[in-house]
Amino acid sequence: NSLKPEDTAVYYCHLVYAGMDYWGKGTL
């Protein structure tokens, strides 16, 4: 909410489990 121009970015989803990192493709 209340988004600002400085929030502009590619957003990535991340999951961490048992020392492993998983990344999704970003959404702009």
mmCIF file of all heavy atoms, coordinates in Angstrom:
data_MODEL
# 
_entry.id   MODEL 
# 
loop_
_atom_site.group_PDB 
_atom_site.id 
_atom_site.type_symbol 
_atom_site.label_atom_id 
_atom_site.label_alt_id 
_atom_site.label_comp_id 
_atom_site.label_asym_id 
_atom_site.label_entity_id 
_atom_site.label_seq_id 
_atom_site.pdbx_PDB_ins_code 
_atom_site.Cartn_x 
_atom_site.Cartn_y 
_atom_site.Cartn_z 
_atom_site.occupancy 
_atom_site.B_iso_or_equiv 
_atom_site.pdbx_formal_charge 
_atom_site.auth_seq_id 
_atom_site.auth_comp_id 
_atom_site.auth_asym_id 
_atom_site.auth_atom_id 
_atom_site.pdbx_PDB_model_num 
ATOM 1   N N   . ASN A 1 1  ? 0.832  -1.191  0.000   1.00 0.00 ? 1  ASN A N   1 
ATOM 2   C CA  . ASN A 1 1  ? 0.000  0.000   0.000   1.00 0.00 ? 1  ASN A CA  1 
ATOM 3   C C   . ASN A 1 1  ? 0.874  1.252   0.000   1.00 0.00 ? 1  ASN A C   1 
ATOM 4   O O   . ASN A 1 1  ? 2.060  1.187   0.320   1.00 0.00 ? 1  ASN A O   1 
ATOM 5   C CB  . ASN A 1 1  ? -0.912 0.001   1.216   1.00 0.00 ? 1  ASN A CB  1 
ATOM 6   C CG  . ASN A 1 1  ? -1.861 -1.175  1.249   1.00 0.00 ? 1  ASN A CG  1 
ATOM 7   O OD1 . ASN A 1 1  ? -2.311 -1.669  0.213   1.00 0.00 ? 1  ASN A OD1 1 
ATOM 8   N ND2 . ASN A 1 1  ? -2.171 -1.648  2.444   1.00 0.00 ? 1  ASN A ND2 1 
ATOM 9   N N   . SER A 1 2  ? 0.260  2.367   -0.321  1.00 0.00 ? 2  SER A N   1 
ATOM 10  C CA  . SER A 1 2  ? 0.967  3.656   -0.331  1.00 0.00 ? 2  SER A CA  1 
ATOM 11  C C   . SER A 1 2  ? 2.284  3.549   -1.097  1.00 0.00 ? 2  SER A C   1 
ATOM 12  O O   . SER A 1 2  ? 3.335  3.989   -0.620  1.00 0.00 ? 2  SER A O   1 
ATOM 13  C CB  . SER A 1 2  ? 1.229  4.120   1.100   1.00 0.00 ? 2  SER A CB  1 
ATOM 14  O OG  . SER A 1 2  ? 0.019  4.241   1.817   1.00 0.00 ? 2  SER A OG  1 
ATOM 15  N N   . LEU A 1 3  ? 2.211  2.977   -2.264  1.00 0.00 ? 3  LEU A N   1 
ATOM 16  C CA  . LEU A 1 3  ? 3.421  2.751   -3.045  1.00 0.00 ? 3  LEU A CA  1 
ATOM 17  C C   . LEU A 1 3  ? 4.080  4.058   -3.461  1.00 0.00 ? 3  LEU A C   1 
ATOM 18  O O   . LEU A 1 3  ? 3.394  5.068   -3.717  1.00 0.00 ? 3  LEU A O   1 
ATOM 19  C CB  . LEU A 1 3  ? 3.105  1.901   -4.270  1.00 0.00 ? 3  LEU A CB  1 
ATOM 20  C CG  . LEU A 1 3  ? 2.944  0.410   -3.967  1.00 0.00 ? 3  LEU A CG  1 
ATOM 21  C CD1 . LEU A 1 3  ? 2.182  -0.284  -5.092  1.00 0.00 ? 3  LEU A CD1 1 
ATOM 22  C CD2 . LEU A 1 3  ? 4.303  -0.240  -3.770  1.00 0.00 ? 3  LEU A CD2 1 
ATOM 23  N N   . LYS A 1 4  ? 5.400  4.017   -3.514  1.00 0.00 ? 4  LYS A N   1 
ATOM 24  C CA  . LYS A 1 4  ? 6.197  5.179   -3.875  1.00 0.00 ? 4  LYS A CA  1 
ATOM 25  C C   . LYS A 1 4  ? 7.038  4.848   -5.101  1.00 0.00 ? 4  LYS A C   1 
ATOM 26  O O   . LYS A 1 4  ? 7.337  3.673   -5.344  1.00 0.00 ? 4  LYS A O   1 
ATOM 27  C CB  . LYS A 1 4  ? 7.127  5.550   -2.718  1.00 0.00 ? 4  LYS A CB  1 
ATOM 28  C CG  . LYS A 1 4  ? 6.429  5.806   -1.396  1.00 0.00 ? 4  LYS A CG  1 
ATOM 29  C CD  . LYS A 1 4  ? 7.443  6.049   -0.285  1.00 0.00 ? 4  LYS A CD  1 
ATOM 30  C CE  . LYS A 1 4  ? 6.772  6.280   1.051   1.00 0.00 ? 4  LYS A CE  1 
ATOM 31  N NZ  . LYS A 1 4  ? 7.758  6.522   2.139   1.00 0.00 ? 4  LYS A NZ  1 
ATOM 32  N N   . PRO A 1 5  ? 7.461  5.838   -5.848  1.00 0.00 ? 5  PRO A N   1 
ATOM 33  C CA  . PRO A 1 5  ? 8.320  5.566   -7.010  1.00 0.00 ? 5  PRO A CA  1 
ATOM 34  C C   . PRO A 1 5  ? 9.568  4.766   -6.641  1.00 0.00 ? 5  PRO A C   1 
ATOM 35  O O   . PRO A 1 5  ? 10.032 3.944   -7.441  1.00 0.00 ? 5  PRO A O   1 
ATOM 36  C CB  . PRO A 1 5  ? 8.667  6.972   -7.516  1.00 0.00 ? 5  PRO A CB  1 
ATOM 37  C CG  . PRO A 1 5  ? 7.485  7.803   -7.128  1.00 0.00 ? 5  PRO A CG  1 
ATOM 38  C CD  . PRO A 1 5  ? 7.056  7.262   -5.796  1.00 0.00 ? 5  PRO A CD  1 
ATOM 39  N N   . GLU A 1 6  ? 10.089 4.979   -5.449  1.00 0.00 ? 6  GLU A N   1 
ATOM 40  C CA  . GLU A 1 6  ? 11.288 4.244   -5.032  1.00 0.00 ? 6  GLU A CA  1 
ATOM 41  C C   . GLU A 1 6  ? 11.015 2.770   -4.737  1.00 0.00 ? 6  GLU A C   1 
ATOM 42  O O   . GLU A 1 6  ? 11.949 2.003   -4.480  1.00 0.00 ? 6  GLU A O   1 
ATOM 43  C CB  . GLU A 1 6  ? 11.954 4.912   -3.821  1.00 0.00 ? 6  GLU A CB  1 
ATOM 44  C CG  . GLU A 1 6  ? 11.018 5.186   -2.670  1.00 0.00 ? 6  GLU A CG  1 
ATOM 45  C CD  . GLU A 1 6  ? 10.510 6.625   -2.668  1.00 0.00 ? 6  GLU A CD  1 
ATOM 46  O OE1 . GLU A 1 6  ? 10.121 7.114   -3.751  1.00 0.00 ? 6  GLU A OE1 1 
ATOM 47  O OE2 . GLU A 1 6  ? 10.476 7.233   -1.575  1.00 0.00 ? 6  GLU A OE2 1 
ATOM 48  N N   . ASP A 1 7  ? 9.752  2.360   -4.764  1.00 0.00 ? 7  ASP A N   1 
ATOM 49  C CA  . ASP A 1 7  ? 9.419  0.935   -4.638  1.00 0.00 ? 7  ASP A CA  1 
ATOM 50  C C   . ASP A 1 7  ? 9.543  0.208   -5.972  1.00 0.00 ? 7  ASP A C   1 
ATOM 51  O O   . ASP A 1 7  ? 9.410  -1.021  -6.033  1.00 0.00 ? 7  ASP A O   1 
ATOM 52  C CB  . ASP A 1 7  ? 8.003  0.754   -4.100  1.00 0.00 ? 7  ASP A CB  1 
ATOM 53  C CG  . ASP A 1 7  ? 7.837  1.268   -2.681  1.00 0.00 ? 7  ASP A CG  1 
ATOM 54  O OD1 . ASP A 1 7  ? 8.745  1.020   -1.856  1.00 0.00 ? 7  ASP A OD1 1 
ATOM 55  O OD2 . ASP A 1 7  ? 6.812  1.921   -2.403  1.00 0.00 ? 7  ASP A OD2 1 
ATOM 56  N N   . THR A 1 8  ? 9.780  0.952   -7.028  1.00 0.00 ? 8  THR A N   1 
ATOM 57  C CA  . THR A 1 8  ? 9.930  0.344   -8.343  1.00 0.00 ? 8  THR A CA  1 
ATOM 58  C C   . THR A 1 8  ? 11.112 -0.610  -8.367  1.00 0.00 ? 8  THR A C   1 
ATOM 59  O O   . THR A 1 8  ? 12.229 -0.244  -8.011  1.00 0.00 ? 8  THR A O   1 
ATOM 60  C CB  . THR A 1 8  ? 10.131 1.428   -9.414  1.00 0.00 ? 8  THR A CB  1 
ATOM 61  O OG1 . THR A 1 8  ? 8.935  2.219   -9.503  1.00 0.00 ? 8  THR A OG1 1 
ATOM 62  C CG2 . THR A 1 8  ? 10.434 0.813   -10.771 1.00 0.00 ? 8  THR A CG2 1 
ATOM 63  N N   . ALA A 1 9  ? 10.844 -1.852  -8.744  1.00 0.00 ? 9  ALA A N   1 
ATOM 64  C CA  . ALA A 1 9  ? 11.876 -2.882  -8.748  1.00 0.00 ? 9  ALA A CA  1 
ATOM 65  C C   . ALA A 1 9  ? 11.284 -4.178  -9.282  1.00 0.00 ? 9  ALA A C   1 
ATOM 66  O O   . ALA A 1 9  ? 10.062 -4.293  -9.451  1.00 0.00 ? 9  ALA A O   1 
ATOM 67  C CB  . ALA A 1 9  ? 12.414 -3.114  -7.332  1.00 0.00 ? 9  ALA A CB  1 
ATOM 68  N N   . VAL A 1 10 ? 12.162 -5.125  -9.508  1.00 0.00 ? 10 VAL A N   1 
ATOM 69  C CA  . VAL A 1 10 ? 11.722 -6.493  -9.756  1.00 0.00 ? 10 VAL A CA  1 
ATOM 70  C C   . VAL A 1 10 ? 11.646 -7.185  -8.390  1.00 0.00 ? 10 VAL A C   1 
ATOM 71  O O   . VAL A 1 10 ? 12.613 -7.155  -7.624  1.00 0.00 ? 10 VAL A O   1 
ATOM 72  C CB  . VAL A 1 10 ? 12.678 -7.240  -10.686 1.00 0.00 ? 10 VAL A CB  1 
ATOM 73  C CG1 . VAL A 1 10 ? 12.224 -8.686  -10.864 1.00 0.00 ? 10 VAL A CG1 1 
ATOM 74  C CG2 . VAL A 1 10 ? 12.756 -6.538  -12.037 1.00 0.00 ? 10 VAL A CG2 1 
ATOM 75  N N   . TYR A 1 11 ? 10.517 -7.764  -8.105  1.00 0.00 ? 11 TYR A N   1 
ATOM 76  C CA  . TYR A 1 11 ? 10.285 -8.418  -6.823  1.00 0.00 ? 11 TYR A CA  1 
ATOM 77  C C   . TYR A 1 11 ? 10.407 -9.939  -6.996  1.00 0.00 ? 11 TYR A C   1 
ATOM 78  O O   . TYR A 1 11 ? 9.810  -10.520 -7.906  1.00 0.00 ? 11 TYR A O   1 
ATOM 79  C CB  . TYR A 1 11 ? 8.906  -8.047  -6.290  1.00 0.00 ? 11 TYR A CB  1 
ATOM 80  C CG  . TYR A 1 11 ? 8.864  -6.654  -5.724  1.00 0.00 ? 11 TYR A CG  1 
ATOM 81  C CD1 . TYR A 1 11 ? 8.950  -5.533  -6.555  1.00 0.00 ? 11 TYR A CD1 1 
ATOM 82  C CD2 . TYR A 1 11 ? 8.769  -6.426  -4.353  1.00 0.00 ? 11 TYR A CD2 1 
ATOM 83  C CE1 . TYR A 1 11 ? 8.942  -4.251  -6.049  1.00 0.00 ? 11 TYR A CE1 1 
ATOM 84  C CE2 . TYR A 1 11 ? 8.744  -5.138  -3.827  1.00 0.00 ? 11 TYR A CE2 1 
ATOM 85  C CZ  . TYR A 1 11 ? 8.834  -4.062  -4.682  1.00 0.00 ? 11 TYR A CZ  1 
ATOM 86  O OH  . TYR A 1 11 ? 8.824  -2.780  -4.160  1.00 0.00 ? 11 TYR A OH  1 
ATOM 87  N N   . TYR A 1 12 ? 11.153 -10.548 -6.079  1.00 0.00 ? 12 TYR A N   1 
ATOM 88  C CA  . TYR A 1 12 ? 11.419 -11.977 -6.134  1.00 0.00 ? 12 TYR A CA  1 
ATOM 89  C C   . TYR A 1 12 ? 10.888 -12.670 -4.885  1.00 0.00 ? 12 TYR A C   1 
ATOM 90  O O   . TYR A 1 12 ? 11.083 -12.205 -3.768  1.00 0.00 ? 12 TYR A O   1 
ATOM 91  C CB  . TYR A 1 12 ? 12.923 -12.248 -6.231  1.00 0.00 ? 12 TYR A CB  1 
ATOM 92  C CG  . TYR A 1 12 ? 13.577 -11.711 -7.471  1.00 0.00 ? 12 TYR A CG  1 
ATOM 93  C CD1 . TYR A 1 12 ? 14.112 -10.424 -7.496  1.00 0.00 ? 12 TYR A CD1 1 
ATOM 94  C CD2 . TYR A 1 12 ? 13.672 -12.496 -8.623  1.00 0.00 ? 12 TYR A CD2 1 
ATOM 95  C CE1 . TYR A 1 12 ? 14.723 -9.936  -8.637  1.00 0.00 ? 12 TYR A CE1 1 
ATOM 96  C CE2 . TYR A 1 12 ? 14.283 -12.010 -9.765  1.00 0.00 ? 12 TYR A CE2 1 
ATOM 97  C CZ  . TYR A 1 12 ? 14.804 -10.720 -9.757  1.00 0.00 ? 12 TYR A CZ  1 
ATOM 98  O OH  . TYR A 1 12 ? 15.408 -10.229 -10.894 1.00 0.00 ? 12 TYR A OH  1 
ATOM 99  N N   . CYS A 1 13 ? 10.292 -13.803 -5.112  1.00 0.00 ? 13 CYS A N   1 
ATOM 100 C CA  . CYS A 1 13 ? 9.832  -14.651 -4.023  1.00 0.00 ? 13 CYS A CA  1 
ATOM 101 C C   . CYS A 1 13 ? 10.973 -15.584 -3.614  1.00 0.00 ? 13 CYS A C   1 
ATOM 102 O O   . CYS A 1 13 ? 11.727 -16.061 -4.466  1.00 0.00 ? 13 CYS A O   1 
ATOM 103 C CB  . CYS A 1 13 ? 8.631  -15.458 -4.509  1.00 0.00 ? 13 CYS A CB  1 
ATOM 104 S SG  . CYS A 1 13 ? 7.939  -16.577 -3.321  1.00 0.00 ? 13 CYS A SG  1 
ATOM 105 N N   . HIS A 1 14 ? 11.098 -15.840 -2.332  1.00 0.00 ? 14 HIS A N   1 
ATOM 106 C CA  . HIS A 1 14 ? 12.211 -16.643 -1.828  1.00 0.00 ? 14 HIS A CA  1 
ATOM 107 C C   . HIS A 1 14 ? 11.720 -17.608 -0.763  1.00 0.00 ? 14 HIS A C   1 
ATOM 108 O O   . HIS A 1 14 ? 10.869 -17.270 0.069   1.00 0.00 ? 14 HIS A O   1 
ATOM 109 C CB  . HIS A 1 14 ? 13.272 -15.707 -1.230  1.00 0.00 ? 14 HIS A CB  1 
ATOM 110 C CG  . HIS A 1 14 ? 14.402 -16.409 -0.553  1.00 0.00 ? 14 HIS A CG  1 
ATOM 111 N ND1 . HIS A 1 14 ? 14.541 -16.449 0.819   1.00 0.00 ? 14 HIS A ND1 1 
ATOM 112 C CD2 . HIS A 1 14 ? 15.463 -17.078 -1.066  1.00 0.00 ? 14 HIS A CD2 1 
ATOM 113 C CE1 . HIS A 1 14 ? 15.625 -17.127 1.125   1.00 0.00 ? 14 HIS A CE1 1 
ATOM 114 N NE2 . HIS A 1 14 ? 16.209 -17.507 -0.002  1.00 0.00 ? 14 HIS A NE2 1 
ATOM 115 N N   . LEU A 1 15 ? 12.268 -18.813 -0.804  1.00 0.00 ? 15 LEU A N   1 
ATOM 116 C CA  . LEU A 1 15 ? 11.975 -19.836 0.201   1.00 0.00 ? 15 LEU A CA  1 
ATOM 117 C C   . LEU A 1 15 ? 13.295 -20.399 0.714   1.00 0.00 ? 15 LEU A C   1 
ATOM 118 O O   . LEU A 1 15 ? 14.198 -20.677 -0.073  1.00 0.00 ? 15 LEU A O   1 
ATOM 119 C CB  . LEU A 1 15 ? 11.141 -20.964 -0.427  1.00 0.00 ? 15 LEU A CB  1 
ATOM 120 C CG  . LEU A 1 15 ? 11.009 -22.274 0.353   1.00 0.00 ? 15 LEU A CG  1 
ATOM 121 C CD1 . LEU A 1 15 ? 10.189 -22.058 1.615   1.00 0.00 ? 15 LEU A CD1 1 
ATOM 122 C CD2 . LEU A 1 15 ? 10.360 -23.357 -0.502  1.00 0.00 ? 15 LEU A CD2 1 
ATOM 123 N N   . VAL A 1 16 ? 13.399 -20.524 2.011   1.00 0.00 ? 16 VAL A N   1 
ATOM 124 C CA  . VAL A 1 16 ? 14.589 -21.139 2.588   1.00 0.00 ? 16 VAL A CA  1 
ATOM 125 C C   . VAL A 1 16 ? 14.155 -22.293 3.492   1.00 0.00 ? 16 VAL A C   1 
ATOM 126 O O   . VAL A 1 16 ? 13.224 -22.162 4.293   1.00 0.00 ? 16 VAL A O   1 
ATOM 127 C CB  . VAL A 1 16 ? 15.443 -20.118 3.380   1.00 0.00 ? 16 VAL A CB  1 
ATOM 128 C CG1 . VAL A 1 16 ? 14.651 -19.456 4.495   1.00 0.00 ? 16 VAL A CG1 1 
ATOM 129 C CG2 . VAL A 1 16 ? 16.706 -20.777 3.920   1.00 0.00 ? 16 VAL A CG2 1 
ATOM 130 N N   . TYR A 1 17 ? 14.816 -23.422 3.314   1.00 0.00 ? 17 TYR A N   1 
ATOM 131 C CA  . TYR A 1 17 ? 14.498 -24.589 4.119   1.00 0.00 ? 17 TYR A CA  1 
ATOM 132 C C   . TYR A 1 17 ? 15.694 -25.511 4.157   1.00 0.00 ? 17 TYR A C   1 
ATOM 133 O O   . TYR A 1 17 ? 16.309 -25.772 3.111   1.00 0.00 ? 17 TYR A O   1 
ATOM 134 C CB  . TYR A 1 17 ? 13.291 -25.336 3.545   1.00 0.00 ? 17 TYR A CB  1 
ATOM 135 C CG  . TYR A 1 17 ? 12.967 -26.607 4.288   1.00 0.00 ? 17 TYR A CG  1 
ATOM 136 C CD1 . TYR A 1 17 ? 12.380 -26.558 5.540   1.00 0.00 ? 17 TYR A CD1 1 
ATOM 137 C CD2 . TYR A 1 17 ? 13.285 -27.860 3.755   1.00 0.00 ? 17 TYR A CD2 1 
ATOM 138 C CE1 . TYR A 1 17 ? 12.105 -27.719 6.239   1.00 0.00 ? 17 TYR A CE1 1 
ATOM 139 C CE2 . TYR A 1 17 ? 13.016 -29.016 4.450   1.00 0.00 ? 17 TYR A CE2 1 
ATOM 140 C CZ  . TYR A 1 17 ? 12.426 -28.938 5.694   1.00 0.00 ? 17 TYR A CZ  1 
ATOM 141 O OH  . TYR A 1 17 ? 12.151 -30.085 6.392   1.00 0.00 ? 17 TYR A OH  1 
ATOM 142 N N   . ALA A 1 18 ? 16.062 -25.941 5.341   1.00 0.00 ? 18 ALA A N   1 
ATOM 143 C CA  . ALA A 1 18 ? 17.176 -26.874 5.530   1.00 0.00 ? 18 ALA A CA  1 
ATOM 144 C C   . ALA A 1 18 ? 18.443 -26.375 4.844   1.00 0.00 ? 18 ALA A C   1 
ATOM 145 O O   . ALA A 1 18 ? 19.185 -27.161 4.238   1.00 0.00 ? 18 ALA A O   1 
ATOM 146 C CB  . ALA A 1 18 ? 16.796 -28.256 5.003   1.00 0.00 ? 18 ALA A CB  1 
ATOM 147 N N   . GLY A 1 19 ? 18.674 -25.083 4.953   1.00 0.00 ? 19 GLY A N   1 
ATOM 148 C CA  . GLY A 1 19 ? 19.891 -24.516 4.394   1.00 0.00 ? 19 GLY A CA  1 
ATOM 149 C C   . GLY A 1 19 ? 19.887 -24.315 2.896   1.00 0.00 ? 19 GLY A C   1 
ATOM 150 O O   . GLY A 1 19 ? 20.896 -23.900 2.324   1.00 0.00 ? 19 GLY A O   1 
ATOM 151 N N   . MET A 1 20 ? 18.779 -24.608 2.273   1.00 0.00 ? 20 MET A N   1 
ATOM 152 C CA  . MET A 1 20 ? 18.661 -24.445 0.825   1.00 0.00 ? 20 MET A CA  1 
ATOM 153 C C   . MET A 1 20 ? 17.812 -23.219 0.499   1.00 0.00 ? 20 MET A C   1 
ATOM 154 O O   . MET A 1 20 ? 16.820 -22.948 1.167   1.00 0.00 ? 20 MET A O   1 
ATOM 155 C CB  . MET A 1 20 ? 18.023 -25.688 0.203   1.00 0.00 ? 20 MET A CB  1 
ATOM 156 C CG  . MET A 1 20 ? 18.863 -26.939 0.360   1.00 0.00 ? 20 MET A CG  1 
ATOM 157 S SD  . MET A 1 20 ? 20.358 -26.892 -0.628  1.00 0.00 ? 20 MET A SD  1 
ATOM 158 C CE  . MET A 1 20 ? 19.649 -26.984 -2.279  1.00 0.00 ? 20 MET A CE  1 
ATOM 159 N N   . ASP A 1 21 ? 18.251 -22.508 -0.527  1.00 0.00 ? 21 ASP A N   1 
ATOM 160 C CA  . ASP A 1 21 ? 17.523 -21.320 -0.992  1.00 0.00 ? 21 ASP A CA  1 
ATOM 161 C C   . ASP A 1 21 ? 16.855 -21.611 -2.319  1.00 0.00 ? 21 ASP A C   1 
ATOM 162 O O   . ASP A 1 21 ? 17.467 -22.198 -3.224  1.00 0.00 ? 21 ASP A O   1 
ATOM 163 C CB  . ASP A 1 21 ? 18.476 -20.144 -1.169  1.00 0.00 ? 21 ASP A CB  1 
ATOM 164 C CG  . ASP A 1 21 ? 18.999 -19.626 0.155   1.00 0.00 ? 21 ASP A CG  1 
ATOM 165 O OD1 . ASP A 1 21 ? 18.251 -18.912 0.831   1.00 0.00 ? 21 ASP A OD1 1 
ATOM 166 O OD2 . ASP A 1 21 ? 20.142 -19.963 0.496   1.00 0.00 ? 21 ASP A OD2 1 
ATOM 167 N N   . TYR A 1 22 ? 15.626 -21.168 -2.432  1.00 0.00 ? 22 TYR A N   1 
ATOM 168 C CA  . TYR A 1 22 ? 14.883 -21.317 -3.670  1.00 0.00 ? 22 TYR A CA  1 
ATOM 169 C C   . TYR A 1 22 ? 14.337 -19.950 -4.076  1.00 0.00 ? 22 TYR A C   1 
ATOM 170 O O   . TYR A 1 22 ? 13.841 -19.198 -3.232  1.00 0.00 ? 22 TYR A O   1 
ATOM 171 C CB  . TYR A 1 22 ? 13.717 -22.294 -3.493  1.00 0.00 ? 22 TYR A CB  1 
ATOM 172 C CG  . TYR A 1 22 ? 14.147 -23.665 -2.997  1.00 0.00 ? 22 TYR A CG  1 
ATOM 173 C CD1 . TYR A 1 22 ? 14.238 -23.928 -1.630  1.00 0.00 ? 22 TYR A CD1 1 
ATOM 174 C CD2 . TYR A 1 22 ? 14.472 -24.682 -3.896  1.00 0.00 ? 22 TYR A CD2 1 
ATOM 175 C CE1 . TYR A 1 22 ? 14.637 -25.171 -1.170  1.00 0.00 ? 22 TYR A CE1 1 
ATOM 176 C CE2 . TYR A 1 22 ? 14.869 -25.921 -3.443  1.00 0.00 ? 22 TYR A CE2 1 
ATOM 177 C CZ  . TYR A 1 22 ? 14.952 -26.168 -2.079  1.00 0.00 ? 22 TYR A CZ  1 
ATOM 178 O OH  . TYR A 1 22 ? 15.356 -27.397 -1.631  1.00 0.00 ? 22 TYR A OH  1 
ATOM 179 N N   . TRP A 1 23 ? 14.453 -19.663 -5.366  1.00 0.00 ? 23 TRP A N   1 
ATOM 180 C CA  . TRP A 1 23 ? 14.018 -18.362 -5.876  1.00 0.00 ? 23 TRP A CA  1 
ATOM 181 C C   . TRP A 1 23 ? 13.027 -18.551 -7.002  1.00 0.00 ? 23 TRP A C   1 
ATOM 182 O O   . TRP A 1 23 ? 13.176 -19.447 -7.833  1.00 0.00 ? 23 TRP A O   1 
ATOM 183 C CB  . TRP A 1 23 ? 15.217 -17.579 -6.413  1.00 0.00 ? 23 TRP A CB  1 
ATOM 184 C CG  . TRP A 1 23 ? 16.203 -17.166 -5.366  1.00 0.00 ? 23 TRP A CG  1 
ATOM 185 C CD1 . TRP A 1 23 ? 17.312 -17.841 -4.969  1.00 0.00 ? 23 TRP A CD1 1 
ATOM 186 C CD2 . TRP A 1 23 ? 16.156 -15.976 -4.582  1.00 0.00 ? 23 TRP A CD2 1 
ATOM 187 N NE1 . TRP A 1 23 ? 17.955 -17.145 -3.978  1.00 0.00 ? 23 TRP A NE1 1 
ATOM 188 C CE2 . TRP A 1 23 ? 17.280 -15.999 -3.732  1.00 0.00 ? 23 TRP A CE2 1 
ATOM 189 C CE3 . TRP A 1 23 ? 15.281 -14.887 -4.513  1.00 0.00 ? 23 TRP A CE3 1 
ATOM 190 C CZ2 . TRP A 1 23 ? 17.556 -14.971 -2.819  1.00 0.00 ? 23 TRP A CZ2 1 
ATOM 191 C CZ3 . TRP A 1 23 ? 15.553 -13.870 -3.606  1.00 0.00 ? 23 TRP A CZ3 1 
ATOM 192 C CH2 . TRP A 1 23 ? 16.673 -13.912 -2.776  1.00 0.00 ? 23 TRP A CH2 1 
ATOM 193 N N   . GLY A 1 24 ? 12.045 -17.650 -7.020  1.00 0.00 ? 24 GLY A N   1 
ATOM 194 C CA  . GLY A 1 24 ? 11.146 -17.610 -8.149  1.00 0.00 ? 24 GLY A CA  1 
ATOM 195 C C   . GLY A 1 24 ? 11.623 -16.584 -9.154  1.00 0.00 ? 24 GLY A C   1 
ATOM 196 O O   . GLY A 1 24 ? 12.505 -15.765 -8.865  1.00 0.00 ? 24 GLY A O   1 
ATOM 197 N N   . LYS A 1 25 ? 11.044 -16.623 -10.332 1.00 0.00 ? 25 LYS A N   1 
ATOM 198 C CA  . LYS A 1 25 ? 11.306 -15.577 -11.299 1.00 0.00 ? 25 LYS A CA  1 
ATOM 199 C C   . LYS A 1 25 ? 10.661 -14.307 -10.798 1.00 0.00 ? 25 LYS A C   1 
ATOM 200 O O   . LYS A 1 25 ? 9.637  -14.347 -10.130 1.00 0.00 ? 25 LYS A O   1 
ATOM 201 C CB  . LYS A 1 25 ? 10.740 -15.958 -12.663 1.00 0.00 ? 25 LYS A CB  1 
ATOM 202 C CG  . LYS A 1 25 ? 11.463 -17.131 -13.315 1.00 0.00 ? 25 LYS A CG  1 
ATOM 203 C CD  . LYS A 1 25 ? 10.905 -17.420 -14.688 1.00 0.00 ? 25 LYS A CD  1 
ATOM 204 C CE  . LYS A 1 25 ? 11.652 -18.586 -15.326 1.00 0.00 ? 25 LYS A CE  1 
ATOM 205 N NZ  . LYS A 1 25 ? 11.122 -18.914 -16.672 1.00 0.00 ? 25 LYS A NZ  1 
ATOM 206 N N   . GLY A 1 26 ? 11.263 -13.191 -11.096 1.00 0.00 ? 26 GLY A N   1 
ATOM 207 C CA  . GLY A 1 26 ? 10.782 -11.933 -10.576 1.00 0.00 ? 26 GLY A CA  1 
ATOM 208 C C   . GLY A 1 26 ? 9.523  -11.439 -11.257 1.00 0.00 ? 26 GLY A C   1 
ATOM 209 O O   . GLY A 1 26 ? 9.186  -11.840 -12.368 1.00 0.00 ? 26 GLY A O   1 
ATOM 210 N N   . THR A 1 27 ? 8.857  -10.539 -10.564 1.00 0.00 ? 27 THR A N   1 
ATOM 211 C CA  . THR A 1 27 ? 7.713  -9.839  -11.140 1.00 0.00 ? 27 THR A CA  1 
ATOM 212 C C   . THR A 1 27 ? 7.963  -8.347  -10.991 1.00 0.00 ? 27 THR A C   1 
ATOM 213 O O   . THR A 1 27 ? 8.364  -7.881  -9.922  1.00 0.00 ? 27 THR A O   1 
ATOM 214 C CB  . THR A 1 27 ? 6.393  -10.271 -10.473 1.00 0.00 ? 27 THR A CB  1 
ATOM 215 O OG1 . THR A 1 27 ? 5.292  -9.629  -11.117 1.00 0.00 ? 27 THR A OG1 1 
ATOM 216 C CG2 . THR A 1 27 ? 6.356  -9.952  -8.979  1.00 0.00 ? 27 THR A CG2 1 
ATOM 217 N N   . LEU A 1 28 ? 7.773  -7.615  -12.070 1.00 0.00 ? 28 LEU A N   1 
ATOM 218 C CA  . LEU A 1 28 ? 8.133  -6.197  -12.104 1.00 0.00 ? 28 LEU A CA  1 
ATOM 219 C C   . LEU A 1 28 ? 7.019  -5.339  -11.514 1.00 0.00 ? 28 LEU A C   1 
ATOM 220 O O   . LEU A 1 28 ? 5.853  -5.460  -11.892 1.00 0.00 ? 28 LEU A O   1 
ATOM 221 C CB  . LEU A 1 28 ? 8.420  -5.759  -13.540 1.00 0.00 ? 28 LEU A CB  1 
ATOM 222 C CG  . LEU A 1 28 ? 8.743  -4.292  -13.758 1.00 0.00 ? 28 LEU A CG  1 
ATOM 223 C CD1 . LEU A 1 28 ? 10.022 -3.902  -13.011 1.00 0.00 ? 28 LEU A CD1 1 
ATOM 224 C CD2 . LEU A 1 28 ? 8.887  -3.996  -15.254 1.00 0.00 ? 28 LEU A CD2 1 
# 
